[in-house]
Amino acid sequence: MQVASRLFLMWAVCWPFPQLNASPFYSSMLIAWSLSEVVRYSYFALKQVDAVPTWLHWLRYSAFLVLYPVGISSEVVMTLLALWGPAADLVAWYPYALTAVLLSYAPG
């Protein structure tokens, strides 16, 4: 689901509506995504040689407490900005598709 949501945001929200990319929520979304990947892959790389420092181990399993809410909130706001703004101008069904994806966030 994480990969699907990132693909959705990039291809269904950010790419067709580049004017939304000036939003601070775009920046916070990318920062949350980037930091989570830097921590995750640094941990995995160092784990291969049994050299994971304690602080990185802690960060690997604690950073999500901040990064997950920031990322999810930014994704939802970016989708809402598209929904309430330019989505209806693209094609008639686009707002319904965005709404359906937003509803899928609730169970997750």
PDB file of N, CA and C in Angstrom:
ATOM      1  N   MET A   1       0.822  -1.201   0.000  1.00  0.00           N
ATOM      2  CA  MET A   1       0.000   0.000   0.000  1.00  0.00           C
ATOM      3  C   MET A   1       0.858   1.253   0.000  1.00  0.00           C
ATOM      4  N   GLN A   2       2.007   1.181   0.669  1.00  0.00           N
ATOM      5  CA  GLN A   2       2.877   2.352   0.722  1.00  0.00           C
ATOM      6  C   GLN A   2       3.363   2.735  -0.685  1.00  0.00           C
ATOM      7  N   VAL A   3       3.797   1.760  -1.440  1.00  0.00           N
ATOM      8  CA  VAL A   3       4.263   2.032  -2.802  1.00  0.00           C
ATOM      9  C   VAL A   3       3.103   2.520  -3.659  1.00  0.00           C
ATOM     10  N   ALA A   4       1.937   1.909  -3.505  1.00  0.00           N
ATOM     11  CA  ALA A   4       0.766   2.316  -4.285  1.00  0.00           C
ATOM     12  C   ALA A   4       0.383   3.764  -3.979  1.00  0.00           C
ATOM     13  N   SER A   5       0.439   4.155  -2.716  1.00  0.00           N
ATOM     14  CA  SER A   5       0.069   5.533  -2.383  1.00  0.00           C
ATOM     15  C   SER A   5       1.079   6.522  -2.948  1.00  0.00           C
ATOM     16  N   ARG A   6       2.344   6.153  -2.942  1.00  0.00           N
ATOM     17  CA  ARG A   6       3.359   7.053  -3.512  1.00  0.00           C
ATOM     18  C   ARG A   6       3.201   7.170  -5.027  1.00  0.00           C
ATOM     19  N   LEU A   7       2.931   6.059  -5.680  1.00  0.00           N
ATOM     20  CA  LEU A   7       2.687   6.109  -7.127  1.00  0.00           C
ATOM     21  C   LEU A   7       1.447   6.940  -7.433  1.00  0.00           C
ATOM     22  N   PHE A   8       0.402   6.744  -6.653  1.00  0.00           N
ATOM     23  CA  PHE A   8      -0.821   7.526  -6.836  1.00  0.00           C
ATOM     24  C   PHE A   8      -0.538   9.015  -6.693  1.00  0.00           C
ATOM     25  N   LEU A   9       0.152   9.389  -5.627  1.00  0.00           N
ATOM     26  CA  LEU A   9       0.427  10.813  -5.399  1.00  0.00           C
ATOM     27  C   LEU A   9       1.259  11.409  -6.528  1.00  0.00           C
ATOM     28  N   MET A  10       2.269  10.681  -6.953  1.00  0.00           N
ATOM     29  CA  MET A  10       3.141  11.229  -8.001  1.00  0.00           C
ATOM     30  C   MET A  10       2.429  11.310  -9.351  1.00  0.00           C
ATOM     31  N   TRP A  11       1.724  10.247  -9.736  1.00  0.00           N
ATOM     32  CA  TRP A  11       1.150  10.187 -11.081  1.00  0.00           C
ATOM     33  C   TRP A  11      -0.277  10.723 -11.186  1.00  0.00           C
ATOM     34  N   ALA A  12      -1.035  10.691 -10.111  1.00  0.00           N
ATOM     35  CA  ALA A  12      -2.441  11.125 -10.193  1.00  0.00           C
ATOM     36  C   ALA A  12      -2.682  12.496  -9.579  1.00  0.00           C
ATOM     37  N   VAL A  13      -1.726  12.988  -8.792  1.00  0.00           N
ATOM     38  CA  VAL A  13      -1.921  14.289  -8.157  1.00  0.00           C
ATOM     39  C   VAL A  13      -0.831  15.281  -8.574  1.00  0.00           C
ATOM     40  N   CYS A  14       0.424  14.936  -8.343  1.00  0.00           N
ATOM     41  CA  CYS A  14       1.513  15.894  -8.577  1.00  0.00           C
ATOM     42  C   CYS A  14       1.816  16.121 -10.058  1.00  0.00           C
ATOM     43  N   TRP A  15       1.797  15.060 -10.840  1.00  0.00           N
ATOM     44  CA  TRP A  15       2.132  15.216 -12.254  1.00  0.00           C
ATOM     45  C   TRP A  15       1.051  15.969 -13.043  1.00  0.00           C
ATOM     46  N   PRO A  16      -0.240  15.621 -12.929  1.00  0.00           N
ATOM     47  CA  PRO A  16      -1.233  16.358 -13.727  1.00  0.00           C
ATOM     48  C   PRO A  16      -1.505  17.775 -13.212  1.00  0.00           C
ATOM     49  N   PHE A  17      -1.151  18.046 -11.959  1.00  0.00           N
ATOM     50  CA  PHE A  17      -1.430  19.361 -11.367  1.00  0.00           C
ATOM     51  C   PHE A  17      -0.151  19.944 -10.766  1.00  0.00           C
ATOM     52  N   PRO A  18       0.808  20.319 -11.595  1.00  0.00           N
ATOM     53  CA  PRO A  18       2.104  20.785 -11.071  1.00  0.00           C
ATOM     54  C   PRO A  18       1.995  22.053 -10.226  1.00  0.00           C
ATOM     55  N   GLN A  19       0.919  22.798 -10.364  1.00  0.00           N
ATOM     56  CA  GLN A  19       0.746  23.998  -9.549  1.00  0.00           C
ATOM     57  C   GLN A  19       0.618  23.656  -8.069  1.00  0.00           C
ATOM     58  N   LEU A  20       0.184  22.436  -7.755  1.00  0.00           N
ATOM     59  CA  LEU A  20       0.062  22.013  -6.358  1.00  0.00           C
ATOM     60  C   LEU A  20       1.418  21.758  -5.715  1.00  0.00           C
ATOM     61  N   ASN A  21       2.443  21.574  -6.534  1.00  0.00           N
ATOM     62  CA  ASN A  21       3.769  21.256  -6.008  1.00  0.00           C
ATOM     63  C   ASN A  21       4.436  22.442  -5.311  1.00  0.00           C
ATOM     64  N   ALA A  22       3.830  23.604  -5.367  1.00  0.00           N
ATOM     65  CA  ALA A  22       4.335  24.766  -4.638  1.00  0.00           C
ATOM     66  C   ALA A  22       3.820  24.775  -3.197  1.00  0.00           C
ATOM     67  N   SER A  23       2.932  23.858  -2.871  1.00  0.00           N
ATOM     68  CA  SER A  23       2.355  23.783  -1.532  1.00  0.00           C
ATOM     69  C   SER A  23       3.396  23.304  -0.518  1.00  0.00           C
ATOM     70  N   PRO A  24       3.344  23.826   0.700  1.00  0.00           N
ATOM     71  CA  PRO A  24       4.245  23.301   1.740  1.00  0.00           C
ATOM     72  C   PRO A  24       3.962  21.828   2.061  1.00  0.00           C
ATOM     73  N   PHE A  25       2.771  21.360   1.752  1.00  0.00           N
ATOM     74  CA  PHE A  25       2.445  19.953   1.991  1.00  0.00           C
ATOM     75  C   PHE A  25       3.187  19.036   1.022  1.00  0.00           C
ATOM     76  N   TYR A  26       3.490  19.530  -0.155  1.00  0.00           N
ATOM     77  CA  TYR A  26       4.313  18.779  -1.103  1.00  0.00           C
ATOM     78  C   TYR A  26       5.710  18.575  -0.517  1.00  0.00           C
ATOM     79  N   SER A  27       6.268  19.652   0.014  1.00  0.00           N
ATOM     80  CA  SER A  27       7.600  19.569   0.613  1.00  0.00           C
ATOM     81  C   SER A  27       7.608  18.647   1.825  1.00  0.00           C
ATOM     82  N   SER A  28       6.623  18.775   2.700  1.00  0.00           N
ATOM     83  CA  SER A  28       6.595  17.922   3.892  1.00  0.00           C
ATOM     84  C   SER A  28       6.403  16.451   3.517  1.00  0.00           C
ATOM     85  N   MET A  29       5.644  16.195   2.468  1.00  0.00           N
ATOM     86  CA  MET A  29       5.444  14.827   1.990  1.00  0.00           C
ATOM     87  C   MET A  29       6.776  14.242   1.508  1.00  0.00           C
ATOM     88  N   LEU A  30       7.493  15.000   0.682  1.00  0.00           N
ATOM     89  CA  LEU A  30       8.765  14.510   0.155  1.00  0.00           C
ATOM     90  C   LEU A  30       9.817  14.351   1.247  1.00  0.00           C
ATOM     91  N   ILE A  31       9.823  15.255   2.209  1.00  0.00           N
ATOM     92  CA  ILE A  31      10.785  15.146   3.315  1.00  0.00           C
ATOM     93  C   ILE A  31      10.493  13.904   4.149  1.00  0.00           C
ATOM     94  N   ALA A  32       9.225  13.669   4.461  1.00  0.00           N
ATOM     95  CA  ALA A  32       8.867  12.476   5.243  1.00  0.00           C
ATOM     96  C   ALA A  32       9.241  11.204   4.481  1.00  0.00           C
ATOM     97  N   TRP A  33       8.923  11.156   3.201  1.00  0.00           N
ATOM     98  CA  TRP A  33       9.276   9.993   2.395  1.00  0.00           C
ATOM     99  C   TRP A  33      10.792   9.793   2.370  1.00  0.00           C
ATOM    100  N   SER A  34      11.513  10.865   2.121  1.00  0.00           N
ATOM    101  CA  SER A  34      12.971  10.773   1.976  1.00  0.00           C
ATOM    102  C   SER A  34      13.648  10.350   3.266  1.00  0.00           C
ATOM    103  N   LEU A  35      13.272  10.966   4.370  1.00  0.00           N
ATOM    104  CA  LEU A  35      13.891  10.613   5.646  1.00  0.00           C
ATOM    105  C   LEU A  35      13.614   9.154   6.025  1.00  0.00           C
ATOM    106  N   SER A  36      12.403   8.706   5.770  1.00  0.00           N
ATOM    107  CA  SER A  36      12.099   7.313   6.102  1.00  0.00           C
ATOM    108  C   SER A  36      12.945   6.352   5.270  1.00  0.00           C
ATOM    109  N   GLU A  37      13.183   6.682   4.011  1.00  0.00           N
ATOM    110  CA  GLU A  37      13.994   5.807   3.159  1.00  0.00           C
ATOM    111  C   GLU A  37      15.470   5.868   3.526  1.00  0.00           C
ATOM    112  N   VAL A  38      15.972   7.038   3.878  1.00  0.00           N
ATOM    113  CA  VAL A  38      17.374   7.157   4.278  1.00  0.00           C
ATOM    114  C   VAL A  38      17.627   6.324   5.531  1.00  0.00           C
ATOM    115  N   VAL A  39      16.741   6.432   6.505  1.00  0.00           N
ATOM    116  CA  VAL A  39      16.888   5.646   7.739  1.00  0.00           C
ATOM    117  C   VAL A  39      16.775   4.158   7.431  1.00  0.00           C
ATOM    118  N   ARG A  40      15.763   3.780   6.675  1.00  0.00           N
ATOM    119  CA  ARG A  40      15.533   2.359   6.383  1.00  0.00           C
ATOM    120  C   ARG A  40      16.714   1.724   5.658  1.00  0.00           C
ATOM    121  N   TYR A  41      17.185   2.353   4.577  1.00  0.00           N
ATOM    122  CA  TYR A  41      18.245   1.735   3.793  1.00  0.00           C
ATOM    123  C   TYR A  41      19.608   1.846   4.440  1.00  0.00           C
ATOM    124  N   SER A  42      19.840   2.866   5.235  1.00  0.00           N
ATOM    125  CA  SER A  42      21.078   2.928   6.016  1.00  0.00           C
ATOM    126  C   SER A  42      21.115   1.776   7.010  1.00  0.00           C
ATOM    127  N   TYR A  43      20.000   1.546   7.656  1.00  0.00           N
ATOM    128  CA  TYR A  43      19.897   0.439   8.609  1.00  0.00           C
ATOM    129  C   TYR A  43      20.142  -0.894   7.906  1.00  0.00           C
ATOM    130  N   PHE A  44      19.472  -1.120   6.770  1.00  0.00           N
ATOM    131  CA  PHE A  44      19.631  -2.382   6.053  1.00  0.00           C
ATOM    132  C   PHE A  44      21.072  -2.586   5.590  1.00  0.00           C
ATOM    133  N   ALA A  45      21.705  -1.532   5.102  1.00  0.00           N
ATOM    134  CA  ALA A  45      23.086  -1.650   4.615  1.00  0.00           C
ATOM    135  C   ALA A  45      24.036  -1.993   5.757  1.00  0.00           C
ATOM    136  N   LEU A  46      23.901  -1.294   6.877  1.00  0.00           N
ATOM    137  CA  LEU A  46      24.791  -1.557   8.004  1.00  0.00           C
ATOM    138  C   LEU A  46      24.497  -2.896   8.672  1.00  0.00           C
ATOM    139  N   LYS A  47      23.273  -3.337   8.582  1.00  0.00           N
ATOM    140  CA  LYS A  47      22.917  -4.640   9.154  1.00  0.00           C
ATOM    141  C   LYS A  47      23.618  -5.775   8.399  1.00  0.00           C
ATOM    142  N   GLN A  48      23.883  -5.579   7.130  1.00  0.00           N
ATOM    143  CA  GLN A  48      24.557  -6.605   6.331  1.00  0.00           C
ATOM    144  C   GLN A  48      25.968  -6.890   6.834  1.00  0.00           C
ATOM    145  N   VAL A  49      26.594  -5.893   7.459  1.00  0.00           N
ATOM    146  CA  VAL A  49      27.956  -6.071   7.974  1.00  0.00           C
ATOM    147  C   VAL A  49      27.979  -6.032   9.507  1.00  0.00           C
ATOM    148  N   ASP A  50      26.821  -6.229  10.118  1.00  0.00           N
ATOM    149  CA  ASP A  50      26.684  -6.221  11.583  1.00  0.00           C
ATOM    150  C   ASP A  50      27.314  -4.993  12.223  1.00  0.00           C
ATOM    151  N   ALA A  51      27.000  -3.822  11.675  1.00  0.00           N
ATOM    152  CA  ALA A  51      27.580  -2.579  12.184  1.00  0.00           C
ATOM    153  C   ALA A  51      26.511  -1.522  12.443  1.00  0.00           C
ATOM    154  N   VAL A  52      25.318  -1.929  12.857  1.00  0.00           N
ATOM    155  CA  VAL A  52      24.235  -0.972  13.100  1.00  0.00           C
ATOM    156  C   VAL A  52      24.451  -0.297  14.452  1.00  0.00           C
ATOM    157  N   PRO A  53      24.650   1.022  14.458  1.00  0.00           N
ATOM    158  CA  PRO A  53      24.778   1.702  15.746  1.00  0.00           C
ATOM    159  C   PRO A  53      23.439   1.714  16.487  1.00  0.00           C
ATOM    160  N   THR A  54      23.517   1.819  17.781  1.00  0.00           N
ATOM    161  CA  THR A  54      22.310   1.785  18.618  1.00  0.00           C
ATOM    162  C   THR A  54      21.327   2.883  18.241  1.00  0.00           C
ATOM    163  N   TRP A  55      21.859   4.079  17.972  1.00  0.00           N
ATOM    164  CA  TRP A  55      20.978   5.196  17.647  1.00  0.00           C
ATOM    165  C   TRP A  55      20.235   4.955  16.339  1.00  0.00           C
ATOM    166  N   LEU A  56      20.885   4.289  15.368  1.00  0.00           N
ATOM    167  CA  LEU A  56      20.213   4.014  14.098  1.00  0.00           C
ATOM    168  C   LEU A  56      19.156   2.933  14.276  1.00  0.00           C
ATOM    169  N   HIS A  57      19.446   1.964  15.103  1.00  0.00           N
ATOM    170  CA  HIS A  57      18.443   0.932  15.404  1.00  0.00           C
ATOM    171  C   HIS A  57      17.214   1.587  16.049  1.00  0.00           C
ATOM    172  N   TRP A  58      17.458   2.455  17.009  1.00  0.00           N
ATOM    173  CA  TRP A  58      16.355   3.163  17.659  1.00  0.00           C
ATOM    174  C   TRP A  58      15.584   3.999  16.641  1.00  0.00           C
ATOM    175  N   LEU A  59      16.310   4.728  15.793  1.00  0.00           N
ATOM    176  CA  LEU A  59      15.673   5.579  14.791  1.00  0.00           C
ATOM    177  C   LEU A  59      14.863   4.761  13.796  1.00  0.00           C
ATOM    178  N   ARG A  60      15.381   3.607  13.406  1.00  0.00           N
ATOM    179  CA  ARG A  60      14.687   2.740  12.438  1.00  0.00           C
ATOM    180  C   ARG A  60      13.306   2.336  12.944  1.00  0.00           C
ATOM    181  N   TYR A  61      13.202   2.113  14.254  1.00  0.00           N
ATOM    182  CA  TYR A  61      11.937   1.644  14.796  1.00  0.00           C
ATOM    183  C   TYR A  61      11.163   2.712  15.562  1.00  0.00           C
ATOM    184  N   SER A  62      11.620   3.955  15.521  1.00  0.00           N
ATOM    185  CA  SER A  62      10.919   5.039  16.210  1.00  0.00           C
ATOM    186  C   SER A  62      10.556   6.214  15.305  1.00  0.00           C
ATOM    187  N   ALA A  63      11.304   6.408  14.236  1.00  0.00           N
ATOM    188  CA  ALA A  63      11.083   7.578  13.373  1.00  0.00           C
ATOM    189  C   ALA A  63       9.679   7.594  12.767  1.00  0.00           C
ATOM    190  N   PHE A  64       9.102   6.408  12.583  1.00  0.00           N
ATOM    191  CA  PHE A  64       7.764   6.355  11.992  1.00  0.00           C
ATOM    192  C   PHE A  64       6.721   7.074  12.843  1.00  0.00           C
ATOM    193  N   LEU A  65       6.980   7.193  14.141  1.00  0.00           N
ATOM    194  CA  LEU A  65       6.030   7.885  15.023  1.00  0.00           C
ATOM    195  C   LEU A  65       5.819   9.337  14.601  1.00  0.00           C
ATOM    196  N   VAL A  66       6.827   9.932  13.996  1.00  0.00           N
ATOM    197  CA  VAL A  66       6.720  11.298  13.479  1.00  0.00           C
ATOM    198  C   VAL A  66       6.494  11.288  11.970  1.00  0.00           C
ATOM    199  N   LEU A  67       7.286  10.484  11.261  1.00  0.00           N
ATOM    200  CA  LEU A  67       7.268  10.531   9.793  1.00  0.00           C
ATOM    201  C   LEU A  67       5.975   9.997   9.193  1.00  0.00           C
ATOM    202  N   TYR A  68       5.382   8.981   9.788  1.00  0.00           N
ATOM    203  CA  TYR A  68       4.147   8.416   9.242  1.00  0.00           C
ATOM    204  C   TYR A  68       3.001   9.428   9.283  1.00  0.00           C
ATOM    205  N   PRO A  69       2.714  10.053  10.427  1.00  0.00           N
ATOM    206  CA  PRO A  69       1.624  11.046  10.429  1.00  0.00           C
ATOM    207  C   PRO A  69       1.900  12.243   9.513  1.00  0.00           C
ATOM    208  N   VAL A  70       3.148  12.674   9.449  1.00  0.00           N
ATOM    209  CA  VAL A  70       3.483  13.800   8.560  1.00  0.00           C
ATOM    210  C   VAL A  70       3.261  13.394   7.107  1.00  0.00           C
ATOM    211  N   GLY A  71       3.738  12.218   6.728  1.00  0.00           N
ATOM    212  CA  GLY A  71       3.581  11.756   5.351  1.00  0.00           C
ATOM    213  C   GLY A  71       2.132  11.542   4.961  1.00  0.00           C
ATOM    214  N   ILE A  72       1.401  10.832   5.802  1.00  0.00           N
ATOM    215  CA  ILE A  72      -0.022  10.551   5.510  1.00  0.00           C
ATOM    216  C   ILE A  72      -0.823  11.846   5.437  1.00  0.00           C
ATOM    217  N   SER A  73      -0.616  12.731   6.395  1.00  0.00           N
ATOM    218  CA  SER A  73      -1.351  14.003   6.400  1.00  0.00           C
ATOM    219  C   SER A  73      -1.054  14.810   5.147  1.00  0.00           C
ATOM    220  N   SER A  74       0.209  14.844   4.772  1.00  0.00           N
ATOM    221  CA  SER A  74       0.587  15.588   3.563  1.00  0.00           C
ATOM    222  C   SER A  74      -0.029  14.966   2.316  1.00  0.00           C
ATOM    223  N   GLU A  75      -0.046  13.642   2.240  1.00  0.00           N
ATOM    224  CA  GLU A  75      -0.654  12.955   1.099  1.00  0.00           C
ATOM    225  C   GLU A  75      -2.145  13.276   1.000  1.00  0.00           C
ATOM    226  N   VAL A  76      -2.830  13.226   2.127  1.00  0.00           N
ATOM    227  CA  VAL A  76      -4.270  13.506   2.138  1.00  0.00           C
ATOM    228  C   VAL A  76      -4.534  14.954   1.742  1.00  0.00           C
ATOM    229  N   VAL A  77      -3.760  15.883   2.289  1.00  0.00           N
ATOM    230  CA  VAL A  77      -3.974  17.303   1.955  1.00  0.00           C
ATOM    231  C   VAL A  77      -3.679  17.547   0.480  1.00  0.00           C
ATOM    232  N   MET A  78      -2.627  16.943  -0.058  1.00  0.00           N
ATOM    233  CA  MET A  78      -2.327  17.123  -1.486  1.00  0.00           C
ATOM    234  C   MET A  78      -3.479  16.597  -2.347  1.00  0.00           C
ATOM    235  N   THR A  79      -4.046  15.462  -1.967  1.00  0.00           N
ATOM    236  CA  THR A  79      -5.172  14.910  -2.715  1.00  0.00           C
ATOM    237  C   THR A  79      -6.392  15.817  -2.592  1.00  0.00           C
ATOM    238  N   LEU A  80      -6.620  16.344  -1.402  1.00  0.00           N
ATOM    239  CA  LEU A  80      -7.743  17.277  -1.213  1.00  0.00           C
ATOM    240  C   LEU A  80      -7.548  18.559  -2.013  1.00  0.00           C
ATOM    241  N   LEU A  81      -6.327  19.057  -2.069  1.00  0.00           N
ATOM    242  CA  LEU A  81      -6.059  20.257  -2.874  1.00  0.00           C
ATOM    243  C   LEU A  81      -6.380  20.012  -4.347  1.00  0.00           C
ATOM    244  N   ALA A  82      -6.041  18.822  -4.827  1.00  0.00           N
ATOM    245  CA  ALA A  82      -6.374  18.476  -6.213  1.00  0.00           C
ATOM    246  C   ALA A  82      -7.877  18.319  -6.384  1.00  0.00           C
ATOM    247  N   LEU A  83      -8.501  17.669  -5.413  1.00  0.00           N
ATOM    248  CA  LEU A  83      -9.941  17.410  -5.475  1.00  0.00           C
ATOM    249  C   LEU A  83     -10.736  18.707  -5.449  1.00  0.00           C
ATOM    250  N   TRP A  84     -10.387  19.608  -4.541  1.00  0.00           N
ATOM    251  CA  TRP A  84     -11.119  20.869  -4.403  1.00  0.00           C
ATOM    252  C   TRP A  84     -10.713  21.910  -5.439  1.00  0.00           C
ATOM    253  N   GLY A  85      -9.641  21.649  -6.159  1.00  0.00           N
ATOM    254  CA  GLY A  85      -9.151  22.614  -7.131  1.00  0.00           C
ATOM    255  C   GLY A  85      -9.310  22.133  -8.557  1.00  0.00           C
ATOM    256  N   PRO A  86      -8.204  21.758  -9.175  1.00  0.00           N
ATOM    257  CA  PRO A  86      -8.201  21.529 -10.625  1.00  0.00           C
ATOM    258  C   PRO A  86      -8.698  20.171 -11.107  1.00  0.00           C
ATOM    259  N   ALA A  87      -9.026  19.251 -10.225  1.00  0.00           N
ATOM    260  CA  ALA A  87      -9.376  17.891 -10.666  1.00  0.00           C
ATOM    261  C   ALA A  87     -10.596  17.852 -11.578  1.00  0.00           C
ATOM    262  N   ALA A  88     -11.592  18.658 -11.285  1.00  0.00           N
ATOM    263  CA  ALA A  88     -12.820  18.644 -12.092  1.00  0.00           C
ATOM    264  C   ALA A  88     -12.575  19.146 -13.513  1.00  0.00           C
ATOM    265  N   ASP A  89     -11.529  19.933 -13.699  1.00  0.00           N
ATOM    266  CA  ASP A  89     -11.228  20.467 -15.027  1.00  0.00           C
ATOM    267  C   ASP A  89     -10.535  19.445 -15.926  1.00  0.00           C
ATOM    268  N   LEU A  90     -10.002  18.380 -15.334  1.00  0.00           N
ATOM    269  CA  LEU A  90      -9.280  17.383 -16.115  1.00  0.00           C
ATOM    270  C   LEU A  90     -10.253  16.498 -16.888  1.00  0.00           C
ATOM    271  N   VAL A  91     -11.029  15.703 -16.195  1.00  0.00           N
ATOM    272  CA  VAL A  91     -12.120  14.899 -16.761  1.00  0.00           C
ATOM    273  C   VAL A  91     -13.197  14.766 -15.695  1.00  0.00           C
ATOM    274  N   ALA A  92     -14.398  14.475 -16.090  1.00  0.00           N
ATOM    275  CA  ALA A  92     -15.533  14.476 -15.161  1.00  0.00           C
ATOM    276  C   ALA A  92     -15.404  13.437 -14.050  1.00  0.00           C
ATOM    277  N   TRP A  93     -14.790  12.298 -14.334  1.00  0.00           N
ATOM    278  CA  TRP A  93     -14.710  11.225 -13.347  1.00  0.00           C
ATOM    279  C   TRP A  93     -13.544  11.375 -12.379  1.00  0.00           C
ATOM    280  N   TYR A  94     -12.628  12.292 -12.638  1.00  0.00           N
ATOM    281  CA  TYR A  94     -11.408  12.399 -11.833  1.00  0.00           C
ATOM    282  C   TYR A  94     -11.683  12.697 -10.353  1.00  0.00           C
ATOM    283  N   PRO A  95     -12.598  13.626 -10.038  1.00  0.00           N
ATOM    284  CA  PRO A  95     -12.886  13.858  -8.615  1.00  0.00           C
ATOM    285  C   PRO A  95     -13.415  12.613  -7.900  1.00  0.00           C
ATOM    286  N   TYR A  96     -14.178  11.799  -8.605  1.00  0.00           N
ATOM    287  CA  TYR A  96     -14.690  10.570  -8.002  1.00  0.00           C
ATOM    288  C   TYR A  96     -13.547   9.578  -7.721  1.00  0.00           C
ATOM    289  N   ALA A  97     -12.608   9.505  -8.629  1.00  0.00           N
ATOM    290  CA  ALA A  97     -11.458   8.619  -8.435  1.00  0.00           C
ATOM    291  C   ALA A  97     -10.619   9.089  -7.243  1.00  0.00           C
ATOM    292  N   LEU A  98     -10.393  10.394  -7.146  1.00  0.00           N
ATOM    293  CA  LEU A  98      -9.635  10.923  -6.011  1.00  0.00           C
ATOM    294  C   LEU A  98     -10.368  10.658  -4.695  1.00  0.00           C
ATOM    295  N   THR A  99     -11.682  10.809  -4.707  1.00  0.00           N
ATOM    296  CA  THR A  99     -12.479  10.544  -3.507  1.00  0.00           C
ATOM    297  C   THR A  99     -12.385   9.073  -3.106  1.00  0.00           C
ATOM    298  N   ALA A 100     -12.434   8.193  -4.084  1.00  0.00           N
ATOM    299  CA  ALA A 100     -12.332   6.749  -3.804  1.00  0.00           C
ATOM    300  C   ALA A 100     -10.984   6.417  -3.161  1.00  0.00           C
ATOM    301  N   VAL A 101      -9.933   7.022  -3.667  1.00  0.00           N
ATOM    302  CA  VAL A 101      -8.608   6.767  -3.082  1.00  0.00           C
ATOM    303  C   VAL A 101      -8.538   7.332  -1.669  1.00  0.00           C
ATOM    304  N   LEU A 102      -9.085   8.517  -1.463  1.00  0.00           N
ATOM    305  CA  LEU A 102      -9.105   9.089  -0.114  1.00  0.00           C
ATOM    306  C   LEU A 102      -9.857   8.185   0.868  1.00  0.00           C
ATOM    307  N   LEU A 103     -10.945   7.606   0.431  1.00  0.00           N
ATOM    308  CA  LEU A 103     -11.705   6.707   1.294  1.00  0.00           C
ATOM    309  C   LEU A 103     -10.908   5.441   1.646  1.00  0.00           C
ATOM    310  N   SER A 104     -10.011   5.055   0.754  1.00  0.00           N
ATOM    311  CA  SER A 104      -9.203   3.864   1.030  1.00  0.00           C
ATOM    312  C   SER A 104      -8.157   4.123   2.112  1.00  0.00           C
ATOM    313  N   TYR A 105      -7.880   5.377   2.426  1.00  0.00           N
ATOM    314  CA  TYR A 105      -6.946   5.709   3.502  1.00  0.00           C
ATOM    315  C   TYR A 105      -7.533   5.381   4.875  1.00  0.00           C
ATOM    316  N   ALA A 106      -8.837   5.425   5.018  1.00  0.00           N
ATOM    317  CA  ALA A 106      -9.474   5.228   6.318  1.00  0.00           C
ATOM    318  C   ALA A 106      -9.154   3.862   6.948  1.00  0.00           C
ATOM    319  N   PRO A 107      -9.254   2.747   6.211  1.00  0.00           N
ATOM    320  CA  PRO A 107      -8.938   1.471   6.855  1.00  0.00           C
ATOM    321  C   PRO A 107      -7.453   1.329   7.209  1.00  0.00           C
ATOM    322  N   GLY A 108      -6.585   2.019   6.466  1.00  0.00           N
ATOM    323  CA  GLY A 108      -5.146   1.882   6.681  1.00  0.00           C
ATOM    324  C   GLY A 108      -4.674   2.662   7.825  1.00  0.00           C
TER     325      GLY A 108
END
